[in-house]
Amino acid sequence: MPSHNLASIEIDNLQIIGYSVAGEETVVAMPQLDVCFDVGKAPDQIIPINHVLLTHGHMDHAAGIAYYLSQRNFCGIAAGTIVAPANLLGPIREIIDAWARLDGNPIPVNLVGVRPGDEHRIKPNLFARVFPTKHSRGSVGFTVIEKRKKLKPEYVGLNSKQIVELKKQGVDIDYPVEIPIVTYLGDTQYVDFSQLKYIAESKILIAECTFYEGEHVTRAEAGRHMHIDEFVTLLTTLNNEHIIVTHTTQRTPMPEIRRILKNALPKDKYERITLLMASRGR
C-alpha cells in the first residue's frame, strides 16, 4: 500500500501528484519530468524520482529528505539529487549525517546548492531555473524549461542534404528556443512574477494560495504566505494555461475556497484553476 493518498492531476500527458496542506505537508511531483518540488514527508510514490527541488527548509516541506535518500539506497537506486538554496546545504548535510549515524549506514546523496539565476540540468534538454521568492531566508522557486533548437526561417524547406552541407560550411542554421513547462512558486508572499517571462508564460503554474478570508490577512503577512487578494493580483499579470493551487489552509473548507476563488477571479482565470487537494482519490 502507498504511504500517502496523493492528489493526482493529468495535463497534456503530464501527471502531477502531491499533497499540500498549509503547516502539515507539501510535496508535488511530476514523474515524467523526473522532478519533485519539495519533499514533504517523502511519500513512497516519489522515491524513484531522481531530482528533489527544495524551495526552503521548513519542516512541512523538507522533513523527508533523509528518508527519501535512505529508501533509495535500501532499494538499490542510485543516490538522489537534492537541489536546495545554497544557504541550506550545511544544515541539510548535518541532518543526513546524523541520520546515517542513527541508522548505522551511509546515506548517499548528490547535494546541489543554488541561487536565483542558476540552472540545474535534469535531462539533456530539460533544466530547472531558479528564481527568488519572498518567504524565508534564501527561499527560491523553480521553473522547468525545455530547451530546443529551431531552424531559422530562411532555411525552412531545405532538404536534409542541403542542411548537412550548410552545417559542413559552418553556417549557423538554427536558434535556441526555451519552452517553460511548469513553474513552482513554493511558499511565498506576493511578488510581481510577471517580470520573469518564463514564469508569466509557463504552461503550468503551481502556486500557493493559503488564506481566503478577510480576517486572515494578518496571518498571511506574518507567515509570508499568499492571501486571496494577492493571488488575484498575481494572476492578472500572468498568462498560464493551467493553474494548480497548493498550500490551502484547513481553516477554510474546500467548498468555501472554491466559492471565494470563483467570486474573486475573472471567469477565464477561474476556469484554469485546479485545487490540488480536491483531486485526491477516495
C-alpha atoms as a PDB file:
ATOM      1  CA  MET A   1       0.000   0.000   0.000  1.00  0.00           C
ATOM      2  CA  PRO A   2       1.316   3.500  -0.784  1.00  0.00           C
ATOM      3  CA  SER A   3       2.179   5.597   2.242  1.00  0.00           C
ATOM      4  CA  HIS A   4       0.091   8.569   1.061  1.00  0.00           C
ATOM      5  CA  ASN A   5      -3.237   9.154  -0.643  1.00  0.00           C
ATOM      6  CA  LEU A   6      -1.832  11.699  -3.069  1.00  0.00           C
ATOM      7  CA  ALA A   7      -3.801  14.021  -5.280  1.00  0.00           C
ATOM      8  CA  SER A   8      -3.389  13.309  -8.984  1.00  0.00           C
ATOM      9  CA  ILE A   9      -3.883  15.634 -11.953  1.00  0.00           C
ATOM     10  CA  GLU A  10      -3.092  14.998 -15.608  1.00  0.00           C
ATOM     11  CA  ILE A  11      -2.337  17.835 -18.028  1.00  0.00           C
ATOM     12  CA  ASP A  12      -1.279  17.059 -21.607  1.00  0.00           C
ATOM     13  CA  ASN A  13       0.096  13.621 -20.666  1.00  0.00           C
ATOM     14  CA  LEU A  14       1.991  15.049 -17.691  1.00  0.00           C
ATOM     15  CA  GLN A  15       0.974  13.636 -14.327  1.00  0.00           C
ATOM     16  CA  ILE A  16       1.136  15.852 -11.263  1.00  0.00           C
ATOM     17  CA  ILE A  17       0.893  14.062  -7.919  1.00  0.00           C
ATOM     18  CA  GLY A  18       1.136  15.544  -4.477  1.00  0.00           C
ATOM     19  CA  TYR A  19      -0.143  16.551  -1.102  1.00  0.00           C
ATOM     20  CA  SER A  20      -0.176  20.136   0.122  1.00  0.00           C
ATOM     21  CA  VAL A  21      -1.852  21.432   3.269  1.00  0.00           C
ATOM     22  CA  ALA A  22      -0.520  24.546   4.993  1.00  0.00           C
ATOM     23  CA  GLY A  23       1.566  23.740   8.060  1.00  0.00           C
ATOM     24  CA  GLU A  24       1.146  19.979   7.591  1.00  0.00           C
ATOM     25  CA  GLU A  25       2.985  18.771   4.487  1.00  0.00           C
ATOM     26  CA  THR A  26       3.814  19.858   0.941  1.00  0.00           C
ATOM     27  CA  VAL A  27       5.201  17.617  -1.787  1.00  0.00           C
ATOM     28  CA  VAL A  28       4.410  17.948  -5.523  1.00  0.00           C
ATOM     29  CA  ALA A  29       5.942  15.596  -8.087  1.00  0.00           C
ATOM     30  CA  MET A  30       5.933  15.303 -11.869  1.00  0.00           C
ATOM     31  CA  PRO A  31       7.273  11.809 -12.650  1.00  0.00           C
ATOM     32  CA  GLN A  32       7.600  12.314 -16.420  1.00  0.00           C
ATOM     33  CA  LEU A  33       9.875  15.294 -15.805  1.00  0.00           C
ATOM     34  CA  ASP A  34      11.767  13.362 -13.094  1.00  0.00           C
ATOM     35  CA  VAL A  35      11.302  16.170 -10.552  1.00  0.00           C
ATOM     36  CA  CYS A  36       9.722  16.510  -7.145  1.00  0.00           C
ATOM     37  CA  PHE A  37       9.097  20.012  -5.829  1.00  0.00           C
ATOM     38  CA  ASP A  38       9.732  19.899  -2.076  1.00  0.00           C
ATOM     39  CA  VAL A  39       9.709  16.510  -0.382  1.00  0.00           C
ATOM     40  CA  GLY A  40       7.202  16.740   2.481  1.00  0.00           C
ATOM     41  CA  LYS A  41       7.406  13.507   4.472  1.00  0.00           C
ATOM     42  CA  ALA A  42       8.737  11.583   1.446  1.00  0.00           C
ATOM     43  CA  PRO A  43       5.720   9.535   0.320  1.00  0.00           C
ATOM     44  CA  ASP A  44       6.571   6.177  -1.267  1.00  0.00           C
ATOM     45  CA  GLN A  45       5.397   7.357  -4.685  1.00  0.00           C
ATOM     46  CA  ILE A  46       8.220   9.900  -5.026  1.00  0.00           C
ATOM     47  CA  ILE A  47      11.149   7.668  -4.029  1.00  0.00           C
ATOM     48  CA  PRO A  48      12.023   6.696  -7.671  1.00  0.00           C
ATOM     49  CA  ILE A  49      12.155  10.353  -8.792  1.00  0.00           C
ATOM     50  CA  ASN A  50      15.776  11.449  -9.150  1.00  0.00           C
ATOM     51  CA  HIS A  51      15.612  15.214  -8.542  1.00  0.00           C
ATOM     52  CA  VAL A  52      14.127  16.931  -5.485  1.00  0.00           C
ATOM     53  CA  LEU A  53      13.869  20.693  -5.980  1.00  0.00           C
ATOM     54  CA  LEU A  54      13.657  22.111  -2.466  1.00  0.00           C
ATOM     55  CA  THR A  55      12.312  25.655  -2.133  1.00  0.00           C
ATOM     56  CA  HIS A  56      13.110  26.235   1.545  1.00  0.00           C
ATOM     57  CA  GLY A  57      13.844  24.406   4.757  1.00  0.00           C
ATOM     58  CA  HIS A  58      10.577  24.493   6.724  1.00  0.00           C
ATOM     59  CA  MET A  59       9.807  21.068   8.095  1.00  0.00           C
ATOM     60  CA  ASP A  60       6.466  20.618   6.330  1.00  0.00           C
ATOM     61  CA  HIS A  61       8.357  20.914   3.017  1.00  0.00           C
ATOM     62  CA  ALA A  62      11.659  19.255   3.916  1.00  0.00           C
ATOM     63  CA  ALA A  63      11.163  16.694   6.699  1.00  0.00           C
ATOM     64  CA  GLY A  64      11.505  13.669   4.421  1.00  0.00           C
ATOM     65  CA  ILE A  65      14.933  14.415   2.927  1.00  0.00           C
ATOM     66  CA  ALA A  66      16.861  11.719   4.817  1.00  0.00           C
ATOM     67  CA  TYR A  67      14.098   9.113   4.406  1.00  0.00           C
ATOM     68  CA  TYR A  68      13.889   9.756   0.639  1.00  0.00           C
ATOM     69  CA  LEU A  69      17.637   9.233   0.291  1.00  0.00           C
ATOM     70  CA  SER A  70      17.773   6.245   2.646  1.00  0.00           C
ATOM     71  CA  GLN A  71      14.910   4.443   0.896  1.00  0.00           C
ATOM     72  CA  ARG A  72      16.607   4.871  -2.475  1.00  0.00           C
ATOM     73  CA  ASN A  73      19.748   3.325  -1.049  1.00  0.00           C
ATOM     74  CA  PHE A  74      17.748   0.493   0.547  1.00  0.00           C
ATOM     75  CA  CYS A  75      16.045  -0.243  -2.800  1.00  0.00           C
ATOM     76  CA  GLY A  76      19.338  -0.226  -4.711  1.00  0.00           C
ATOM     77  CA  ILE A  77      18.562   3.024  -6.540  1.00  0.00           C
ATOM     78  CA  ALA A  78      21.371   5.497  -7.260  1.00  0.00           C
ATOM     79  CA  ALA A  79      21.775   8.445  -4.898  1.00  0.00           C
ATOM     80  CA  GLY A  80      19.052  11.054  -5.249  1.00  0.00           C
ATOM     81  CA  THR A  81      19.823  14.668  -6.057  1.00  0.00           C
ATOM     82  CA  ILE A  82      18.663  17.380  -3.651  1.00  0.00           C
ATOM     83  CA  VAL A  83      18.716  20.836  -5.254  1.00  0.00           C
ATOM     84  CA  ALA A  84      18.333  23.395  -2.477  1.00  0.00           C
ATOM     85  CA  PRO A  85      19.057  27.032  -1.633  1.00  0.00           C
ATOM     86  CA  ALA A  86      22.805  27.355  -1.102  1.00  0.00           C
ATOM     87  CA  ASN A  87      22.397  28.643   2.466  1.00  0.00           C
ATOM     88  CA  LEU A  88      20.731  25.342   3.475  1.00  0.00           C
ATOM     89  CA  LEU A  89      23.497  22.979   2.361  1.00  0.00           C
ATOM     90  CA  GLY A  90      25.263  22.930   5.730  1.00  0.00           C
ATOM     91  CA  PRO A  91      22.170  22.091   7.804  1.00  0.00           C
ATOM     92  CA  ILE A  92      20.982  19.507   5.252  1.00  0.00           C
ATOM     93  CA  ARG A  93      24.368  17.783   5.347  1.00  0.00           C
ATOM     94  CA  GLU A  94      24.232  17.735   9.148  1.00  0.00           C
ATOM     95  CA  ILE A  95      20.761  16.133   9.087  1.00  0.00           C
ATOM     96  CA  ILE A  96      21.834  13.462   6.601  1.00  0.00           C
ATOM     97  CA  ASP A  97      24.996  12.680   8.580  1.00  0.00           C
ATOM     98  CA  ALA A  98      23.040  12.471  11.854  1.00  0.00           C
ATOM     99  CA  TRP A  99      20.515  10.049  10.360  1.00  0.00           C
ATOM    100  CA  ALA A 100      23.346   7.960   8.901  1.00  0.00           C
ATOM    101  CA  ARG A 101      24.823   7.619  12.412  1.00  0.00           C
ATOM    102  CA  LEU A 102      21.421   6.695  13.862  1.00  0.00           C
ATOM    103  CA  ASP A 103      20.754   4.210  11.066  1.00  0.00           C
ATOM    104  CA  GLY A 104      24.234   2.734  11.105  1.00  0.00           C
ATOM    105  CA  ASN A 105      24.526   3.003   7.328  1.00  0.00           C
ATOM    106  CA  PRO A 106      25.811   5.710   4.988  1.00  0.00           C
ATOM    107  CA  ILE A 107      23.165   7.725   3.144  1.00  0.00           C
ATOM    108  CA  PRO A 108      24.383   8.620  -0.360  1.00  0.00           C
ATOM    109  CA  VAL A 109      23.315  11.983  -1.758  1.00  0.00           C
ATOM    110  CA  ASN A 110      24.043  14.423  -4.548  1.00  0.00           C
ATOM    111  CA  LEU A 111      23.624  17.776  -2.851  1.00  0.00           C
ATOM    112  CA  VAL A 112      23.447  20.844  -5.111  1.00  0.00           C
ATOM    113  CA  GLY A 113      23.290  24.392  -3.785  1.00  0.00           C
ATOM    114  CA  VAL A 114      21.620  27.028  -5.959  1.00  0.00           C
ATOM    115  CA  ARG A 115      20.920  30.743  -6.002  1.00  0.00           C
ATOM    116  CA  PRO A 116      18.483  32.831  -8.079  1.00  0.00           C
ATOM    117  CA  GLY A 117      19.522  32.785 -11.721  1.00  0.00           C
ATOM    118  CA  ASP A 118      21.143  29.346 -11.539  1.00  0.00           C
ATOM    119  CA  GLU A 119      20.036  26.394 -13.652  1.00  0.00           C
ATOM    120  CA  HIS A 120      20.154  22.707 -12.765  1.00  0.00           C
ATOM    121  CA  ARG A 121      20.240  20.164 -15.580  1.00  0.00           C
ATOM    122  CA  ILE A 122      17.611  17.450 -15.184  1.00  0.00           C
ATOM    123  CA  LYS A 123      17.892  15.807 -18.608  1.00  0.00           C
ATOM    124  CA  PRO A 124      19.952  16.760 -21.680  1.00  0.00           C
ATOM    125  CA  ASN A 125      17.290  19.239 -22.832  1.00  0.00           C
ATOM    126  CA  LEU A 126      15.485  19.873 -19.531  1.00  0.00           C
ATOM    127  CA  PHE A 127      16.598  22.425 -16.927  1.00  0.00           C
ATOM    128  CA  ALA A 128      15.289  23.811 -13.639  1.00  0.00           C
ATOM    129  CA  ARG A 129      15.787  27.571 -13.475  1.00  0.00           C
ATOM    130  CA  VAL A 130      15.931  29.179 -10.030  1.00  0.00           C
ATOM    131  CA  PHE A 131      14.254  32.451  -9.029  1.00  0.00           C
ATOM    132  CA  PRO A 132      13.850  34.260  -5.682  1.00  0.00           C
ATOM    133  CA  THR A 133      10.667  34.131  -3.600  1.00  0.00           C
ATOM    134  CA  LYS A 134       9.541  36.056  -0.536  1.00  0.00           C
ATOM    135  CA  HIS A 135       9.199  33.617   2.338  1.00  0.00           C
ATOM    136  CA  SER A 136      12.207  32.523   4.402  1.00  0.00           C
ATOM    137  CA  ARG A 137      15.882  33.444   4.067  1.00  0.00           C
ATOM    138  CA  GLY A 138      17.199  32.179   0.745  1.00  0.00           C
ATOM    139  CA  SER A 139      13.860  30.704  -0.389  1.00  0.00           C
ATOM    140  CA  VAL A 140      13.502  30.061  -4.105  1.00  0.00           C
ATOM    141  CA  GLY A 141      11.102  28.771  -6.746  1.00  0.00           C
ATOM    142  CA  PHE A 142      11.761  26.716  -9.860  1.00  0.00           C
ATOM    143  CA  THR A 143      10.700  26.734 -13.499  1.00  0.00           C
ATOM    144  CA  VAL A 144      11.318  23.582 -15.526  1.00  0.00           C
ATOM    145  CA  ILE A 145      12.292  24.620 -19.049  1.00  0.00           C
ATOM    146  CA  GLU A 146      12.766  22.540 -22.184  1.00  0.00           C
ATOM    147  CA  LYS A 147      15.499  23.874 -24.455  1.00  0.00           C
ATOM    148  CA  ARG A 148      15.328  23.179 -28.170  1.00  0.00           C
ATOM    149  CA  LYS A 149      16.855  24.440 -31.381  1.00  0.00           C
ATOM    150  CA  LYS A 150      14.634  25.681 -34.190  1.00  0.00           C
ATOM    151  CA  LEU A 151      15.531  26.098 -37.853  1.00  0.00           C
ATOM    152  CA  LYS A 152      15.856  29.718 -38.925  1.00  0.00           C
ATOM    153  CA  PRO A 153      13.043  30.823 -41.276  1.00  0.00           C
ATOM    154  CA  GLU A 154      15.385  31.330 -44.231  1.00  0.00           C
ATOM    155  CA  TYR A 155      16.351  27.636 -44.148  1.00  0.00           C
ATOM    156  CA  VAL A 156      12.863  26.159 -43.764  1.00  0.00           C
ATOM    157  CA  GLY A 157      12.056  23.982 -46.780  1.00  0.00           C
ATOM    158  CA  LEU A 158      15.608  22.813 -47.444  1.00  0.00           C
ATOM    159  CA  ASN A 159      16.126  19.089 -47.733  1.00  0.00           C
ATOM    160  CA  SER A 160      18.378  17.098 -45.393  1.00  0.00           C
ATOM    161  CA  LYS A 161      21.284  17.068 -47.862  1.00  0.00           C
ATOM    162  CA  GLN A 162      21.227  20.855 -48.121  1.00  0.00           C
ATOM    163  CA  ILE A 163      21.056  21.194 -44.334  1.00  0.00           C
ATOM    164  CA  VAL A 164      24.040  18.880 -43.898  1.00  0.00           C
ATOM    165  CA  GLU A 165      26.029  20.865 -46.457  1.00  0.00           C
ATOM    166  CA  LEU A 166      25.331  24.143 -44.684  1.00  0.00           C
ATOM    167  CA  LYS A 167      26.447  22.639 -41.390  1.00  0.00           C
ATOM    168  CA  LYS A 168      29.684  21.455 -43.005  1.00  0.00           C
ATOM    169  CA  GLN A 169      30.270  25.049 -44.128  1.00  0.00           C
ATOM    170  CA  GLY A 170      29.864  26.236 -40.548  1.00  0.00           C
ATOM    171  CA  VAL A 171      26.602  28.077 -41.221  1.00  0.00           C
ATOM    172  CA  ASP A 172      24.517  28.750 -38.107  1.00  0.00           C
ATOM    173  CA  ILE A 173      21.174  27.396 -39.312  1.00  0.00           C
ATOM    174  CA  ASP A 174      19.151  27.350 -36.097  1.00  0.00           C
ATOM    175  CA  TYR A 175      18.438  29.372 -32.974  1.00  0.00           C
ATOM    176  CA  PRO A 176      17.704  28.400 -29.356  1.00  0.00           C
ATOM    177  CA  VAL A 177      14.125  28.150 -28.111  1.00  0.00           C
ATOM    178  CA  GLU A 178      13.044  27.869 -24.477  1.00  0.00           C
ATOM    179  CA  ILE A 179       9.714  26.278 -23.561  1.00  0.00           C
ATOM    180  CA  PRO A 180       8.720  26.862 -19.925  1.00  0.00           C
ATOM    181  CA  ILE A 181       6.713  23.784 -18.945  1.00  0.00           C
ATOM    182  CA  VAL A 182       5.941  24.283 -15.276  1.00  0.00           C
ATOM    183  CA  THR A 183       6.653  26.866 -12.603  1.00  0.00           C
ATOM    184  CA  TYR A 184       6.504  26.018  -8.904  1.00  0.00           C
ATOM    185  CA  LEU A 185       6.424  29.062  -6.638  1.00  0.00           C
ATOM    186  CA  GLY A 186       6.664  27.235  -3.323  1.00  0.00           C
ATOM    187  CA  ASP A 187       5.708  29.264  -0.259  1.00  0.00           C
ATOM    188  CA  THR A 188       5.791  32.991  -0.923  1.00  0.00           C
ATOM    189  CA  GLN A 189       4.119  36.309  -0.366  1.00  0.00           C
ATOM    190  CA  TYR A 190       3.100  38.285  -3.426  1.00  0.00           C
ATOM    191  CA  VAL A 191       5.896  39.105  -5.849  1.00  0.00           C
ATOM    192  CA  ASP A 192       5.336  40.526  -9.321  1.00  0.00           C
ATOM    193  CA  PHE A 193       6.491  37.364 -11.050  1.00  0.00           C
ATOM    194  CA  SER A 194       5.340  38.735 -14.419  1.00  0.00           C
ATOM    195  CA  GLN A 195       8.749  40.429 -14.600  1.00  0.00           C
ATOM    196  CA  LEU A 196      10.186  36.990 -15.388  1.00  0.00           C
ATOM    197  CA  LYS A 197       8.861  35.975 -18.810  1.00  0.00           C
ATOM    198  CA  TYR A 198       9.495  32.276 -18.280  1.00  0.00           C
ATOM    199  CA  ILE A 199       7.158  32.361 -15.253  1.00  0.00           C
ATOM    200  CA  ALA A 200       4.488  34.505 -16.909  1.00  0.00           C
ATOM    201  CA  GLU A 201       4.378  32.191 -19.927  1.00  0.00           C
ATOM    202  CA  SER A 202       4.880  28.866 -18.179  1.00  0.00           C
ATOM    203  CA  LYS A 203       2.268  26.375 -19.387  1.00  0.00           C
ATOM    204  CA  ILE A 204       1.539  25.214 -15.837  1.00  0.00           C
ATOM    205  CA  LEU A 205       1.727  27.383 -12.723  1.00  0.00           C
ATOM    206  CA  ILE A 206       1.765  25.653  -9.327  1.00  0.00           C
ATOM    207  CA  ALA A 207       1.140  28.395  -6.795  1.00  0.00           C
ATOM    208  CA  GLU A 208       0.256  28.668  -3.149  1.00  0.00           C
ATOM    209  CA  CYS A 209      -2.853  30.492  -2.043  1.00  0.00           C
ATOM    210  CA  THR A 210      -3.003  29.809   1.666  1.00  0.00           C
ATOM    211  CA  PHE A 211      -5.565  32.213   3.143  1.00  0.00           C
ATOM    212  CA  TYR A 212      -9.023  33.199   1.871  1.00  0.00           C
ATOM    213  CA  GLU A 213     -10.914  35.178   4.484  1.00  0.00           C
ATOM    214  CA  GLY A 214     -10.630  38.879   5.290  1.00  0.00           C
ATOM    215  CA  GLU A 215      -9.589  38.322   8.890  1.00  0.00           C
ATOM    216  CA  HIS A 216      -6.699  36.122   7.704  1.00  0.00           C
ATOM    217  CA  VAL A 217      -4.765  38.931   6.022  1.00  0.00           C
ATOM    218  CA  THR A 218      -2.562  39.434   9.083  1.00  0.00           C
ATOM    219  CA  ARG A 219      -1.897  35.687   9.298  1.00  0.00           C
ATOM    220  CA  ALA A 220      -0.760  35.723   5.672  1.00  0.00           C
ATOM    221  CA  GLU A 221       1.566  38.648   6.305  1.00  0.00           C
ATOM    222  CA  ALA A 222       3.007  37.111   9.471  1.00  0.00           C
ATOM    223  CA  GLY A 223       3.796  33.803   7.785  1.00  0.00           C
ATOM    224  CA  ARG A 224       4.809  35.361   4.454  1.00  0.00           C
ATOM    225  CA  HIS A 225       2.119  33.480   2.601  1.00  0.00           C
ATOM    226  CA  MET A 226      -0.289  34.445  -0.174  1.00  0.00           C
ATOM    227  CA  HIS A 227      -3.768  35.752   0.637  1.00  0.00           C
ATOM    228  CA  ILE A 228      -6.548  35.525  -1.954  1.00  0.00           C
ATOM    229  CA  ASP A 229      -6.323  39.297  -2.571  1.00  0.00           C
ATOM    230  CA  GLU A 230      -2.642  38.983  -3.538  1.00  0.00           C
ATOM    231  CA  PHE A 231      -3.323  35.818  -5.518  1.00  0.00           C
ATOM    232  CA  VAL A 232      -5.888  37.621  -7.685  1.00  0.00           C
ATOM    233  CA  THR A 233      -3.409  40.435  -8.328  1.00  0.00           C
ATOM    234  CA  LEU A 234      -0.746  37.888  -9.269  1.00  0.00           C
ATOM    235  CA  LEU A 235      -2.920  36.048 -11.795  1.00  0.00           C
ATOM    236  CA  THR A 236      -3.955  39.231 -13.604  1.00  0.00           C
ATOM    237  CA  THR A 237      -0.347  39.667 -14.721  1.00  0.00           C
ATOM    238  CA  LEU A 238       0.335  36.069 -15.797  1.00  0.00           C
ATOM    239  CA  ASN A 239      -0.739  34.042 -18.825  1.00  0.00           C
ATOM    240  CA  ASN A 240      -0.531  30.422 -17.691  1.00  0.00           C
ATOM    241  CA  GLU A 241      -2.821  27.877 -19.335  1.00  0.00           C
ATOM    242  CA  HIS A 242      -3.190  25.801 -16.169  1.00  0.00           C
ATOM    243  CA  ILE A 243      -3.042  26.984 -12.551  1.00  0.00           C
ATOM    244  CA  ILE A 244      -2.765  24.493  -9.698  1.00  0.00           C
ATOM    245  CA  VAL A 245      -3.450  25.884  -6.224  1.00  0.00           C
ATOM    246  CA  THR A 246      -1.494  24.419  -3.311  1.00  0.00           C
ATOM    247  CA  HIS A 247      -0.874  25.041   0.404  1.00  0.00           C
ATOM    248  CA  THR A 248      -4.522  25.735   1.290  1.00  0.00           C
ATOM    249  CA  THR A 249      -5.324  26.299   4.958  1.00  0.00           C
ATOM    250  CA  GLN A 250      -7.545  23.909   6.880  1.00  0.00           C
ATOM    251  CA  ARG A 251      -9.176  26.954   8.449  1.00  0.00           C
ATOM    252  CA  THR A 252     -11.361  27.320   5.361  1.00  0.00           C
ATOM    253  CA  PRO A 253     -13.361  24.337   3.988  1.00  0.00           C
ATOM    254  CA  MET A 254     -12.676  23.325   0.388  1.00  0.00           C
ATOM    255  CA  PRO A 255     -16.179  24.204  -0.914  1.00  0.00           C
ATOM    256  CA  GLU A 256     -15.784  27.692   0.566  1.00  0.00           C
ATOM    257  CA  ILE A 257     -12.350  28.061  -1.050  1.00  0.00           C
ATOM    258  CA  ARG A 258     -13.914  27.181  -4.404  1.00  0.00           C
ATOM    259  CA  ARG A 259     -16.670  29.748  -3.886  1.00  0.00           C
ATOM    260  CA  ILE A 260     -14.250  32.509  -2.902  1.00  0.00           C
ATOM    261  CA  LEU A 261     -11.968  31.797  -5.850  1.00  0.00           C
ATOM    262  CA  LYS A 262     -14.909  31.794  -8.266  1.00  0.00           C
ATOM    263  CA  ASN A 263     -16.180  35.133  -6.973  1.00  0.00           C
ATOM    264  CA  ALA A 264     -12.733  36.744  -6.856  1.00  0.00           C
ATOM    265  CA  LEU A 265     -11.353  35.734 -10.247  1.00  0.00           C
ATOM    266  CA  PRO A 266     -12.418  36.618 -13.801  1.00  0.00           C
ATOM    267  CA  LYS A 267     -14.225  33.679 -15.423  1.00  0.00           C
ATOM    268  CA  ASP A 268     -11.379  32.873 -17.822  1.00  0.00           C
ATOM    269  CA  LYS A 269      -8.869  32.701 -14.944  1.00  0.00           C
ATOM    270  CA  TYR A 270     -11.134  30.659 -12.673  1.00  0.00           C
ATOM    271  CA  GLU A 271     -11.665  28.075 -15.426  1.00  0.00           C
ATOM    272  CA  ARG A 272      -7.909  27.447 -15.478  1.00  0.00           C
ATOM    273  CA  ILE A 273      -7.798  26.689 -11.738  1.00  0.00           C
ATOM    274  CA  THR A 274      -7.392  23.234 -10.212  1.00  0.00           C
ATOM    275  CA  LEU A 275      -7.232  22.826  -6.448  1.00  0.00           C
ATOM    276  CA  LEU A 276      -4.589  20.191  -5.803  1.00  0.00           C
ATOM    277  CA  MET A 277      -6.204  18.765  -2.685  1.00  0.00           C
ATOM    278  CA  ALA A 278      -9.594  18.490  -4.367  1.00  0.00           C
ATOM    279  CA  SER A 279      -8.030  15.957  -6.760  1.00  0.00           C
ATOM    280  CA  ARG A 280      -7.406  13.150  -4.293  1.00  0.00           C
ATOM    281  CA  GLY A 281      -8.844   9.685  -4.758  1.00  0.00           C
ATOM    282  CA  ARG A 282     -11.132   8.391  -2.090  1.00  0.00           C
END
